[in-house]
Amino acid sequence: MKHNFYDVKTKSKVEAEVLEKVSYGQPGNERYAFRAKTADGRNLTAFVSKATWEKANI
């Protein structure tokens, strides 16, 4: 699955393959995110809605 991420180093949006989906925070106060890597190995994180996170098949 591909998703759009913001690359801080290049200050531009990039499309990358989602490697995993993660959640941060305590139960009841969670944030949902997709993780990916750039072509040169840097990490990318994009926070998404719970509905998008649950719909993703990863």
PDB file of N, CA and C in Angstrom:
ATOM      1  N   MET A   1       0.843  -1.171   0.000  1.00  0.00           N
ATOM      2  CA  MET A   1       0.000   0.000   0.000  1.00  0.00           C
ATOM      3  C   MET A   1       0.891   1.238   0.000  1.00  0.00           C
ATOM      4  N   LYS A   2       0.574   2.198  -0.830  1.00  0.00           N
ATOM      5  CA  LYS A   2       1.327   3.457  -0.882  1.00  0.00           C
ATOM      6  C   LYS A   2       0.553   4.545  -0.153  1.00  0.00           C
ATOM      7  N   HIS A   3       1.302   5.508   0.403  1.00  0.00           N
ATOM      8  CA  HIS A   3       0.704   6.635   1.112  1.00  0.00           C
ATOM      9  C   HIS A   3       1.610   7.848   0.927  1.00  0.00           C
ATOM     10  N   ASN A   4       1.039   9.040   1.035  1.00  0.00           N
ATOM     11  CA  ASN A   4       1.826  10.268   0.926  1.00  0.00           C
ATOM     12  C   ASN A   4       2.407  10.645   2.284  1.00  0.00           C
ATOM     13  N   PHE A   5       3.694  10.957   2.289  1.00  0.00           N
ATOM     14  CA  PHE A   5       4.417  11.363   3.486  1.00  0.00           C
ATOM     15  C   PHE A   5       5.068  12.710   3.220  1.00  0.00           C
ATOM     16  N   TYR A   6       5.365  13.444   4.289  1.00  0.00           N
ATOM     17  CA  TYR A   6       6.110  14.695   4.159  1.00  0.00           C
ATOM     18  C   TYR A   6       7.554  14.413   4.546  1.00  0.00           C
ATOM     19  N   ASP A   7       8.476  14.640   3.620  1.00  0.00           N
ATOM     20  CA  ASP A   7       9.906  14.435   3.862  1.00  0.00           C
ATOM     21  C   ASP A   7      10.488  15.744   4.400  1.00  0.00           C
ATOM     22  N   VAL A   8      10.859  15.757   5.660  1.00  0.00           N
ATOM     23  CA  VAL A   8      11.339  16.977   6.325  1.00  0.00           C
ATOM     24  C   VAL A   8      12.661  17.448   5.722  1.00  0.00           C
ATOM     25  N   LYS A   9      13.541  16.527   5.379  1.00  0.00           N
ATOM     26  CA  LYS A   9      14.845  16.911   4.855  1.00  0.00           C
ATOM     27  C   LYS A   9      14.724  17.626   3.511  1.00  0.00           C
ATOM     28  N   THR A  10      13.904  17.098   2.614  1.00  0.00           N
ATOM     29  CA  THR A  10      13.750  17.712   1.296  1.00  0.00           C
ATOM     30  C   THR A  10      12.618  18.736   1.250  1.00  0.00           C
ATOM     31  N   LYS A  11      11.860  18.824   2.327  1.00  0.00           N
ATOM     32  CA  LYS A  11      10.726  19.754   2.441  1.00  0.00           C
ATOM     33  C   LYS A  11       9.738  19.576   1.294  1.00  0.00           C
ATOM     34  N   SER A  12       9.383  18.332   1.037  1.00  0.00           N
ATOM     35  CA  SER A  12       8.430  18.033  -0.025  1.00  0.00           C
ATOM     36  C   SER A  12       7.633  16.780   0.335  1.00  0.00           C
ATOM     37  N   LYS A  13       6.510  16.606  -0.363  1.00  0.00           N
ATOM     38  CA  LYS A  13       5.711  15.411  -0.178  1.00  0.00           C
ATOM     39  C   LYS A  13       6.249  14.316  -1.081  1.00  0.00           C
ATOM     40  N   VAL A  14       6.289  13.108  -0.549  1.00  0.00           N
ATOM     41  CA  VAL A  14       6.740  11.948  -1.314  1.00  0.00           C
ATOM     42  C   VAL A  14       5.737  10.816  -1.117  1.00  0.00           C
ATOM     43  N   GLU A  15       5.656   9.946  -2.104  1.00  0.00           N
ATOM     44  CA  GLU A  15       4.815   8.766  -1.981  1.00  0.00           C
ATOM     45  C   GLU A  15       5.728   7.579  -1.728  1.00  0.00           C
ATOM     46  N   ALA A  16       5.417   6.820  -0.684  1.00  0.00           N
ATOM     47  CA  ALA A  16       6.271   5.689  -0.319  1.00  0.00           C
ATOM     48  C   ALA A  16       5.413   4.505   0.083  1.00  0.00           C
ATOM     49  N   GLU A  17       6.002   3.331   0.027  1.00  0.00           N
ATOM     50  CA  GLU A  17       5.326   2.102   0.421  1.00  0.00           C
ATOM     51  C   GLU A  17       5.271   2.021   1.952  1.00  0.00           C
ATOM     52  N   VAL A  18       4.084   1.809   2.490  1.00  0.00           N
ATOM     53  CA  VAL A  18       3.901   1.709   3.940  1.00  0.00           C
ATOM     54  C   VAL A  18       4.471   0.378   4.406  1.00  0.00           C
ATOM     55  N   LEU A  19       5.366   0.432   5.410  1.00  0.00           N
ATOM     56  CA  LEU A  19       5.996  -0.773   5.936  1.00  0.00           C
ATOM     57  C   LEU A  19       5.249  -1.336   7.135  1.00  0.00           C
ATOM     58  N   GLU A  20       4.700  -0.444   7.960  1.00  0.00           N
ATOM     59  CA  GLU A  20       3.964  -0.895   9.137  1.00  0.00           C
ATOM     60  C   GLU A  20       2.997   0.183   9.579  1.00  0.00           C
ATOM     61  N   LYS A  21       2.012  -0.235  10.372  1.00  0.00           N
ATOM     62  CA  LYS A  21       1.113   0.730  10.983  1.00  0.00           C
ATOM     63  C   LYS A  21       1.283   0.616  12.495  1.00  0.00           C
ATOM     64  N   VAL A  22       1.360   1.761  13.150  1.00  0.00           N
ATOM     65  CA  VAL A  22       1.628   1.804  14.583  1.00  0.00           C
ATOM     66  C   VAL A  22       0.644   2.737  15.262  1.00  0.00           C
ATOM     67  N   SER A  23       0.494   2.544  16.577  1.00  0.00           N
ATOM     68  CA  SER A  23      -0.316   3.465  17.366  1.00  0.00           C
ATOM     69  C   SER A  23       0.521   3.937  18.542  1.00  0.00           C
ATOM     70  N   TYR A  24       0.334   5.195  18.906  1.00  0.00           N
ATOM     71  CA  TYR A  24       1.074   5.825  19.991  1.00  0.00           C
ATOM     72  C   TYR A  24       0.096   6.306  21.051  1.00  0.00           C
ATOM     73  N   GLY A  25       0.504   6.298  22.306  1.00  0.00           N
ATOM     74  CA  GLY A  25      -0.298   6.863  23.379  1.00  0.00           C
ATOM     75  C   GLY A  25      -0.996   5.816  24.224  1.00  0.00           C
ATOM     76  N   GLN A  26      -1.699   6.319  25.215  1.00  0.00           N
ATOM     77  CA  GLN A  26      -2.431   5.482  26.151  1.00  0.00           C
ATOM     78  C   GLN A  26      -3.785   5.094  25.560  1.00  0.00           C
ATOM     79  N   PRO A  27      -4.352   3.978  25.999  1.00  0.00           N
ATOM     80  CA  PRO A  27      -5.701   3.608  25.532  1.00  0.00           C
ATOM     81  C   PRO A  27      -6.695   4.736  25.824  1.00  0.00           C
ATOM     82  N   GLY A  28      -7.479   5.065  24.836  1.00  0.00           N
ATOM     83  CA  GLY A  28      -8.432   6.163  24.964  1.00  0.00           C
ATOM     84  C   GLY A  28      -7.868   7.481  24.488  1.00  0.00           C
ATOM     85  N   ASN A  29      -6.544   7.563  24.335  1.00  0.00           N
ATOM     86  CA  ASN A  29      -5.890   8.788  23.868  1.00  0.00           C
ATOM     87  C   ASN A  29      -4.787   8.396  22.873  1.00  0.00           C
ATOM     88  N   GLU A  30      -5.184   7.632  21.853  1.00  0.00           N
ATOM     89  CA  GLU A  30      -4.205   7.091  20.919  1.00  0.00           C
ATOM     90  C   GLU A  30      -4.128   7.923  19.643  1.00  0.00           C
ATOM     91  N   ARG A  31      -2.954   7.862  19.015  1.00  0.00           N
ATOM     92  CA  ARG A  31      -2.736   8.440  17.692  1.00  0.00           C
ATOM     93  C   ARG A  31      -2.280   7.309  16.793  1.00  0.00           C
ATOM     94  N   TYR A  32      -2.703   7.359  15.543  1.00  0.00           N
ATOM     95  CA  TYR A  32      -2.433   6.280  14.601  1.00  0.00           C
ATOM     96  C   TYR A  32      -1.534   6.794  13.492  1.00  0.00           C
ATOM     97  N   ALA A  33      -0.590   5.943  13.063  1.00  0.00           N
ATOM     98  CA  ALA A  33       0.388   6.394  12.076  1.00  0.00           C
ATOM     99  C   ALA A  33       0.816   5.261  11.163  1.00  0.00           C
ATOM    100  N   PHE A  34       1.304   5.658   9.977  1.00  0.00           N
ATOM    101  CA  PHE A  34       1.956   4.748   9.045  1.00  0.00           C
ATOM    102  C   PHE A  34       3.439   5.052   9.066  1.00  0.00           C
ATOM    103  N   ARG A  35       4.269   4.014   8.941  1.00  0.00           N
ATOM    104  CA  ARG A  35       5.722   4.179   8.891  1.00  0.00           C
ATOM    105  C   ARG A  35       6.225   3.695   7.543  1.00  0.00           C
ATOM    106  N   ALA A  36       7.261   4.378   7.027  1.00  0.00           N
ATOM    107  CA  ALA A  36       7.873   4.010   5.749  1.00  0.00           C
ATOM    108  C   ALA A  36       9.328   4.452   5.760  1.00  0.00           C
ATOM    109  N   LYS A  37      10.046   4.147   4.678  1.00  0.00           N
ATOM    110  CA  LYS A  37      11.436   4.572   4.514  1.00  0.00           C
ATOM    111  C   LYS A  37      11.603   5.188   3.136  1.00  0.00           C
ATOM    112  N   THR A  38      12.504   6.183   3.058  1.00  0.00           N
ATOM    113  CA  THR A  38      12.837   6.781   1.770  1.00  0.00           C
ATOM    114  C   THR A  38      13.794   5.855   1.027  1.00  0.00           C
ATOM    115  N   ALA A  39      14.106   6.194  -0.201  1.00  0.00           N
ATOM    116  CA  ALA A  39      15.023   5.380  -1.001  1.00  0.00           C
ATOM    117  C   ALA A  39      16.410   5.321  -0.381  1.00  0.00           C
ATOM    118  N   ASP A  40      16.810   6.400   0.333  1.00  0.00           N
ATOM    119  CA  ASP A  40      18.139   6.401   0.954  1.00  0.00           C
ATOM    120  C   ASP A  40      18.108   5.961   2.418  1.00  0.00           C
ATOM    121  N   GLY A  41      16.983   5.391   2.884  1.00  0.00           N
ATOM    122  CA  GLY A  41      16.929   4.764   4.197  1.00  0.00           C
ATOM    123  C   GLY A  41      16.445   5.612   5.362  1.00  0.00           C
ATOM    124  N   ARG A  42      16.019   6.848   5.112  1.00  0.00           N
ATOM    125  CA  ARG A  42      15.511   7.671   6.211  1.00  0.00           C
ATOM    126  C   ARG A  42      14.074   7.285   6.544  1.00  0.00           C
ATOM    127  N   ASN A  43      13.701   7.422   7.818  1.00  0.00           N
ATOM    128  CA  ASN A  43      12.364   7.059   8.271  1.00  0.00           C
ATOM    129  C   ASN A  43      11.353   8.156   7.960  1.00  0.00           C
ATOM    130  N   LEU A  44      10.137   7.723   7.637  1.00  0.00           N
ATOM    131  CA  LEU A  44       9.023   8.629   7.405  1.00  0.00           C
ATOM    132  C   LEU A  44       7.855   8.190   8.271  1.00  0.00           C
ATOM    133  N   THR A  45       7.120   9.151   8.818  1.00  0.00           N
ATOM    134  CA  THR A  45       5.936   8.872   9.614  1.00  0.00           C
ATOM    135  C   THR A  45       4.821   9.797   9.173  1.00  0.00           C
ATOM    136  N   ALA A  46       3.628   9.246   8.998  1.00  0.00           N
ATOM    137  CA  ALA A  46       2.459  10.049   8.651  1.00  0.00           C
ATOM    138  C   ALA A  46       1.330   9.659   9.601  1.00  0.00           C
ATOM    139  N   PHE A  47       0.805  10.631  10.338  1.00  0.00           N
ATOM    140  CA  PHE A  47      -0.308  10.379  11.232  1.00  0.00           C
ATOM    141  C   PHE A  47      -1.602  10.393  10.423  1.00  0.00           C
ATOM    142  N   VAL A  48      -2.463   9.410  10.683  1.00  0.00           N
ATOM    143  CA  VAL A  48      -3.700   9.245   9.930  1.00  0.00           C
ATOM    144  C   VAL A  48      -4.873   9.052  10.888  1.00  0.00           C
ATOM    145  N   SER A  49      -6.074   9.101  10.348  1.00  0.00           N
ATOM    146  CA  SER A  49      -7.266   8.888  11.168  1.00  0.00           C
ATOM    147  C   SER A  49      -7.382   7.411  11.543  1.00  0.00           C
ATOM    148  N   LYS A  50      -8.161   7.160  12.565  1.00  0.00           N
ATOM    149  CA  LYS A  50      -8.363   5.787  13.016  1.00  0.00           C
ATOM    150  C   LYS A  50      -9.034   4.961  11.924  1.00  0.00           C
ATOM    151  N   ALA A  51      -9.982   5.549  11.200  1.00  0.00           N
ATOM    152  CA  ALA A  51     -10.689   4.836  10.138  1.00  0.00           C
ATOM    153  C   ALA A  51      -9.725   4.429   9.027  1.00  0.00           C
ATOM    154  N   THR A  52      -8.834   5.320   8.620  1.00  0.00           N
ATOM    155  CA  THR A  52      -7.839   5.014   7.591  1.00  0.00           C
ATOM    156  C   THR A  52      -6.886   3.942   8.084  1.00  0.00           C
ATOM    157  N   TRP A  53      -6.479   4.045   9.343  1.00  0.00           N
ATOM    158  CA  TRP A  53      -5.542   3.094   9.943  1.00  0.00           C
ATOM    159  C   TRP A  53      -6.141   1.697   9.988  1.00  0.00           C
ATOM    160  N   GLU A  54      -7.423   1.599  10.384  1.00  0.00           N
ATOM    161  CA  GLU A  54      -8.082   0.296  10.475  1.00  0.00           C
ATOM    162  C   GLU A  54      -8.346  -0.308   9.101  1.00  0.00           C
ATOM    163  N   LYS A  55      -8.594   0.527   8.091  1.00  0.00           N
ATOM    164  CA  LYS A  55      -8.904   0.066   6.744  1.00  0.00           C
ATOM    165  C   LYS A  55      -7.666  -0.483   6.031  1.00  0.00           C
ATOM    166  N   ALA A  56      -6.471  -0.043   6.420  1.00  0.00           N
ATOM    167  CA  ALA A  56      -5.239  -0.448   5.748  1.00  0.00           C
ATOM    168  C   ALA A  56      -4.940  -1.916   5.989  1.00  0.00           C
ATOM    169  N   ASN A  57      -4.608  -2.618   4.913  1.00  0.00           N
ATOM    170  CA  ASN A  57      -4.229  -4.037   4.999  1.00  0.00           C
ATOM    171  C   ASN A  57      -2.714  -4.144   4.888  1.00  0.00           C
ATOM    172  N   ILE A  58      -2.062  -4.169   6.038  1.00  0.00           N
ATOM    173  CA  ILE A  58      -0.606  -4.228   6.071  1.00  0.00           C
ATOM    174  C   ILE A  58      -0.183  -5.399   6.918  1.00  0.00           C
TER     175      ILE A  58
END
